[in-house]
Amino acid sequence: LPKPRKGLAEADWKVLWEDKHLLFVEKAAGLLTVPTETSPEPSLADAIKDQYRRRGFKHFQLYIVHRLDRHTSGVLVFAKTSEALHHLKDLFAEHKLQRVYKAILVGELPENAGTLTDRLVERARSMKMAVLDERKKEPKGAQKAVTHYRVVERLPGHTVVEVRLETGRRNQIRVQFAERGFPLLGDQVYGAKSSLIERQALHAELLGVKHPETGEMVTVTCPLPKDLEAALRTLRLRRRVERAEEGRTGAEGIYQPRATREKRQA
């Protein structure tokens, strides 16, 4: 990593769990995961290294394993040793880890659960990810993307889903749902602006990996941030108003998600 830039501000992040090998942190929306050559802005990686240096760790090593989109909040993991780095890279490459996200979709998703399977490709001009048209010849660089989801709440004109990633392609969740007509709330790249939230309503809620030394599962969770909670409160208020106008009371007509056998075992 490059040295921290001068004037690094206190980033909106915090340590969730760590030991000598792994560091799990919460990243706020709007914060870059790692520094870029073209942006003078501080990043999460900058902030972590800066904090360790101020604590007296002159030769602190931090290894990048994965990233979250700039405007996605939630938990991610860094490696603190080369042993952990190679271990985590293998887990990500073989999809042998747990990644659970919470998202608010625009529109009323008809299914209560399902799996999205596509091949994604990056468009050269726009740099946006897109779902490949299977009728056309597959271009170089197309990658398989598999996303599992289940509905956890239905709100007026919106659907709240829990998403489990099998693969981890760039913008995977955002582009796959948008392709089917259900973009994420507030997603200005694959959807549209929203008065409810200023960024895409996507949060990395859970990350679980096997520890490189003990082999035990380390699972770290991160609560929803304030902006997502505020958007949900507004939508729930709309639901109460609509139910009152329709004369409904109690739990009548409210979607009640049921835990599947697989979910209970997980």
Protein backbone atom coordinates (compact mmCIF):
# COMPACT_ATOMS: atom_id res chain seq x y z
CA LEU A 1 0.00 0.00 0.00
CA PRO A 2 1.16 3.57 -0.57
CA LYS A 3 1.90 5.68 2.47
CA PRO A 4 -1.12 7.42 4.03
CA ARG A 5 -1.80 10.78 2.43
CA LYS A 6 -1.26 13.96 4.39
CA GLY A 7 -4.31 15.38 6.09
CA LEU A 8 -6.03 12.02 6.44
CA ALA A 9 -9.37 12.64 8.13
CA GLU A 10 -10.87 10.41 10.80
CA ALA A 11 -12.69 7.86 8.65
CA ASP A 12 -16.08 6.50 9.53
CA TRP A 13 -15.06 2.95 10.39
CA LYS A 14 -14.47 0.72 13.38
CA VAL A 15 -12.88 -2.59 14.24
CA LEU A 16 -15.40 -5.39 14.70
CA TRP A 17 -13.01 -8.30 15.47
CA GLU A 18 -9.30 -8.95 15.17
CA ASP A 19 -6.41 -11.19 16.16
CA LYS A 20 -2.84 -11.53 14.92
CA HIS A 21 -3.99 -12.88 11.53
CA LEU A 22 -7.34 -11.27 10.67
CA LEU A 23 -8.93 -7.83 10.94
CA PHE A 24 -12.69 -7.42 10.43
CA VAL A 25 -13.89 -3.82 10.13
CA GLU A 26 -17.10 -1.92 9.44
CA LYS A 27 -16.91 0.39 6.42
CA ALA A 28 -19.25 3.32 6.10
CA ALA A 29 -20.94 4.15 2.79
CA GLY A 30 -19.01 6.70 0.74
CA LEU A 31 -15.59 5.54 1.92
CA LEU A 32 -13.15 3.97 -0.55
CA THR A 33 -11.89 0.56 0.53
CA VAL A 34 -8.39 1.09 -0.83
CA PRO A 35 -6.51 4.12 -2.19
CA THR A 36 -6.51 4.86 -5.90
CA GLU A 37 -3.93 6.59 -8.05
CA THR A 38 -6.48 9.04 -9.46
CA SER A 39 -8.20 10.13 -6.23
CA PRO A 40 -6.67 12.25 -3.44
CA GLU A 41 -9.31 11.03 -0.99
CA PRO A 42 -8.33 8.97 2.06
CA SER A 43 -9.41 5.33 2.11
CA LEU A 44 -10.29 2.73 4.70
CA ALA A 45 -6.91 1.05 4.21
CA ASP A 46 -5.20 4.41 4.74
CA ALA A 47 -7.12 4.99 7.95
CA ILE A 48 -6.30 1.55 9.36
CA LYS A 49 -2.58 1.83 8.64
CA ASP A 50 -2.51 5.35 10.04
CA GLN A 51 -4.18 4.26 13.28
CA TYR A 52 -1.75 1.37 13.78
CA ARG A 53 1.20 3.66 13.13
CA ARG A 54 -0.06 6.09 15.76
CA ARG A 55 -0.35 3.16 18.16
CA GLY A 56 3.35 2.42 17.69
CA PHE A 57 3.29 -0.32 15.04
CA LYS A 58 6.05 1.01 12.77
CA HIS A 59 6.11 -2.04 10.47
CA PHE A 60 2.42 -2.93 10.46
CA GLN A 61 1.40 -4.97 7.41
CA LEU A 62 -2.10 -4.86 5.93
CA TYR A 63 -3.10 -7.07 3.01
CA ILE A 64 -6.10 -6.42 0.77
CA VAL A 65 -8.28 -9.48 0.17
CA HIS A 66 -11.55 -8.06 -1.19
CA ARG A 67 -13.43 -4.78 -1.47
CA LEU A 68 -16.86 -3.26 -1.03
CA ASP A 69 -18.26 -0.76 -3.50
CA ARG A 70 -17.64 2.79 -2.39
CA HIS A 71 -21.30 3.40 -1.54
CA THR A 72 -21.90 -0.01 0.04
CA SER A 73 -21.60 -0.23 3.80
CA GLY A 74 -20.80 -3.19 6.02
CA VAL A 75 -18.23 -5.71 7.14
CA LEU A 76 -15.07 -6.70 5.28
CA VAL A 77 -11.89 -8.51 6.24
CA PHE A 78 -8.19 -7.69 5.85
CA ALA A 79 -5.24 -10.04 6.35
CA LYS A 80 -2.49 -9.05 8.78
CA THR A 81 -0.05 -11.83 7.84
CA SER A 82 1.06 -13.37 4.56
CA GLU A 83 -0.23 -16.72 5.82
CA ALA A 84 -3.71 -15.26 6.30
CA LEU A 85 -3.54 -13.51 2.93
CA HIS A 86 -2.95 -16.73 0.96
CA HIS A 87 -5.54 -18.57 3.05
CA LEU A 88 -8.24 -15.94 2.44
CA LYS A 89 -7.42 -15.63 -1.25
CA ASP A 90 -8.00 -19.38 -1.60
CA LEU A 91 -11.31 -19.16 0.28
CA PHE A 92 -12.54 -16.34 -1.97
CA ALA A 93 -11.35 -18.08 -5.14
CA GLU A 94 -13.10 -21.33 -4.16
CA HIS A 95 -16.19 -19.53 -2.79
CA LYS A 96 -15.75 -21.26 0.58
CA LEU A 97 -16.97 -18.47 2.84
CA GLN A 98 -20.20 -16.88 4.01
CA ARG A 99 -21.26 -13.48 2.64
CA VAL A 100 -24.70 -12.15 3.50
CA TYR A 101 -26.05 -8.76 2.40
CA LYS A 102 -29.27 -6.84 3.08
CA ALA A 103 -30.75 -4.86 0.19
CA ILE A 104 -33.88 -2.82 -0.57
CA LEU A 105 -35.18 -3.34 -4.10
CA VAL A 106 -37.44 -0.99 -6.03
CA GLY A 107 -40.50 -2.96 -7.09
CA GLU A 108 -42.40 -5.95 -5.73
CA LEU A 109 -40.35 -9.07 -6.37
CA PRO A 110 -42.81 -11.89 -7.21
CA GLU A 111 -40.79 -14.78 -5.76
CA ASN A 112 -40.10 -15.25 -2.06
CA ALA A 113 -36.71 -16.86 -2.71
CA GLY A 114 -34.53 -17.85 -5.62
CA THR A 115 -31.14 -17.92 -7.30
CA LEU A 116 -29.86 -15.53 -9.97
CA THR A 117 -27.32 -17.05 -12.35
CA ASP A 118 -25.75 -14.93 -15.08
CA ARG A 119 -22.53 -14.22 -16.88
CA LEU A 120 -21.31 -10.67 -16.30
CA VAL A 121 -19.10 -8.57 -18.52
CA GLU A 122 -17.63 -5.09 -18.16
CA ARG A 123 -18.60 -2.59 -20.86
CA ALA A 124 -15.45 -0.93 -22.19
CA ARG A 125 -16.93 2.53 -22.74
CA SER A 126 -18.99 2.97 -19.58
CA MET A 127 -16.96 0.66 -17.31
CA LYS A 128 -20.33 -0.60 -16.03
CA MET A 129 -21.02 -4.26 -15.46
CA ALA A 130 -23.74 -5.88 -17.57
CA VAL A 131 -25.50 -9.22 -17.85
CA LEU A 132 -24.38 -11.04 -20.96
CA ASP A 133 -26.96 -11.76 -23.63
CA GLU A 134 -26.72 -15.55 -24.01
CA ARG A 135 -27.80 -15.26 -27.64
CA LYS A 136 -24.60 -13.43 -28.49
CA LYS A 137 -21.07 -14.74 -28.64
CA GLU A 138 -19.44 -14.67 -25.22
CA PRO A 139 -16.78 -11.92 -25.09
CA LYS A 140 -13.47 -12.27 -23.34
CA GLY A 141 -13.58 -11.64 -19.62
CA ALA A 142 -17.17 -12.78 -19.03
CA GLN A 143 -17.54 -14.25 -15.54
CA LYS A 144 -20.21 -16.41 -13.95
CA ALA A 145 -22.21 -14.75 -11.18
CA VAL A 146 -24.46 -16.67 -8.76
CA THR A 147 -26.61 -14.87 -6.18
CA HIS A 148 -29.06 -16.51 -3.77
CA TYR A 149 -31.80 -14.43 -2.16
CA ARG A 150 -34.85 -14.61 0.05
CA VAL A 151 -37.47 -11.97 0.80
CA VAL A 152 -37.51 -10.80 4.42
CA GLU A 153 -40.03 -7.95 4.16
CA ARG A 154 -42.49 -6.55 1.65
CA LEU A 155 -43.17 -2.82 1.71
CA PRO A 156 -45.17 -0.49 -0.58
CA GLY A 157 -43.48 -0.60 -3.97
CA HIS A 158 -40.33 -2.16 -2.49
CA THR A 159 -38.91 -5.51 -1.41
CA VAL A 160 -36.33 -6.12 1.31
CA VAL A 161 -34.12 -9.11 0.56
CA GLU A 162 -31.36 -11.03 2.26
CA VAL A 163 -28.72 -11.94 -0.29
CA ARG A 164 -26.09 -14.66 -0.06
CA LEU A 165 -23.24 -14.48 -2.55
CA GLU A 166 -21.85 -17.63 -4.08
CA THR A 167 -19.53 -15.66 -6.34
CA GLY A 168 -18.23 -12.15 -5.78
CA ARG A 169 -18.13 -10.21 -9.04
CA ARG A 170 -17.97 -6.43 -9.18
CA ASN A 171 -21.42 -4.85 -8.72
CA GLN A 172 -22.90 -8.37 -8.85
CA ILE A 173 -25.96 -7.83 -6.66
CA ARG A 174 -26.74 -4.44 -8.15
CA VAL A 175 -26.55 -5.44 -11.80
CA GLN A 176 -28.32 -8.80 -11.49
CA PHE A 177 -31.40 -7.39 -9.78
CA ALA A 178 -31.45 -4.33 -12.06
CA GLU A 179 -31.37 -6.58 -15.12
CA ARG A 180 -34.62 -8.18 -13.91
CA GLY A 181 -36.34 -4.85 -13.38
CA PHE A 182 -35.73 -4.53 -9.62
CA PRO A 183 -32.82 -2.10 -9.14
CA LEU A 184 -31.56 -1.31 -5.66
CA LEU A 185 -33.14 1.69 -4.02
CA GLY A 186 -30.98 4.77 -4.59
CA ASP A 187 -28.62 3.10 -7.08
CA GLN A 188 -27.73 5.95 -9.43
CA VAL A 189 -25.67 3.72 -11.75
CA TYR A 190 -28.04 0.83 -12.43
CA GLY A 191 -31.27 2.44 -11.21
CA ALA A 192 -32.31 5.97 -10.24
CA LYS A 193 -31.95 8.56 -7.50
CA SER A 194 -34.24 8.32 -4.49
CA SER A 195 -35.50 10.77 -1.89
CA LEU A 196 -35.29 7.98 0.71
CA ILE A 197 -31.53 7.40 0.61
CA GLU A 198 -28.56 9.06 -1.08
CA ARG A 199 -26.77 5.85 -2.12
CA GLN A 200 -27.61 2.29 -3.11
CA ALA A 201 -29.46 0.51 -0.30
CA LEU A 202 -26.95 -2.31 0.09
CA HIS A 203 -25.25 -3.43 3.29
CA ALA A 204 -22.76 -6.26 3.91
CA GLU A 205 -24.37 -7.71 7.01
CA LEU A 206 -22.35 -10.88 7.68
CA LEU A 207 -18.97 -12.30 6.73
CA GLY A 208 -17.75 -15.72 7.84
CA VAL A 209 -14.39 -17.35 7.07
CA LYS A 210 -12.35 -20.26 8.39
CA HIS A 211 -9.47 -19.10 10.53
CA PRO A 212 -6.08 -19.66 8.83
CA GLU A 213 -4.50 -21.08 11.99
CA THR A 214 -7.25 -22.87 13.92
CA GLY A 215 -9.58 -23.83 11.07
CA GLU A 216 -12.56 -22.67 13.14
CA MET A 217 -15.28 -20.55 11.59
CA VAL A 218 -15.07 -16.84 12.42
CA THR A 219 -18.39 -15.10 11.71
CA VAL A 220 -18.71 -11.34 12.10
CA THR A 221 -21.93 -9.33 11.73
CA CYS A 222 -22.56 -5.62 11.25
CA PRO A 223 -25.87 -3.85 12.06
CA LEU A 224 -27.71 -1.75 9.49
CA PRO A 225 -26.49 1.87 9.32
CA LYS A 226 -28.71 4.84 10.14
CA ASP A 227 -29.54 5.79 6.54
CA LEU A 228 -30.86 2.32 5.71
CA GLU A 229 -32.84 2.18 8.95
CA ALA A 230 -34.35 5.59 8.15
CA ALA A 231 -35.40 4.45 4.67
CA LEU A 232 -37.04 1.35 6.15
CA ARG A 233 -38.89 3.41 8.76
CA THR A 234 -40.32 5.64 6.04
CA LEU A 235 -41.46 2.68 3.95
CA ARG A 236 -42.99 0.97 6.99
CA LEU A 237 -44.89 4.15 7.80
CA ARG A 238 -46.29 4.15 4.27
CA ARG A 239 -47.40 0.55 4.78
CA ARG A 240 -49.21 1.47 8.01
CA VAL A 241 -50.95 4.35 6.26
CA GLU A 242 -52.03 2.14 3.36
CA ARG A 243 -53.31 -0.55 5.74
CA ALA A 244 -55.25 2.01 7.74
CA GLU A 245 -56.86 3.35 4.58
CA GLU A 246 -57.80 -0.21 3.58
CA GLY A 247 -59.19 -0.95 7.05
CA ARG A 248 -56.74 -3.76 7.81
CA THR A 249 -55.73 -4.51 11.39
CA GLY A 250 -53.20 -6.69 13.19
CA ALA A 251 -50.94 -8.83 11.00
CA GLU A 252 -53.52 -9.24 8.24
CA GLY A 253 -51.84 -9.12 4.85
CA ILE A 254 -48.33 -8.60 6.21
CA TYR A 255 -45.70 -10.85 4.68
CA GLN A 256 -44.27 -13.27 7.24
CA PRO A 257 -40.99 -14.84 6.08
CA ARG A 258 -40.48 -18.44 7.13
CA ALA A 259 -37.10 -19.95 7.88
CA THR A 260 -36.31 -22.84 5.55
CA ARG A 261 -34.54 -25.97 6.74
CA GLU A 262 -31.35 -24.74 5.04
CA LYS A 263 -31.65 -21.35 6.76
CA ARG A 264 -32.14 -22.91 10.20
CA GLN A 265 -29.15 -25.21 9.69
CA ALA A 266 -26.99 -22.23 8.58
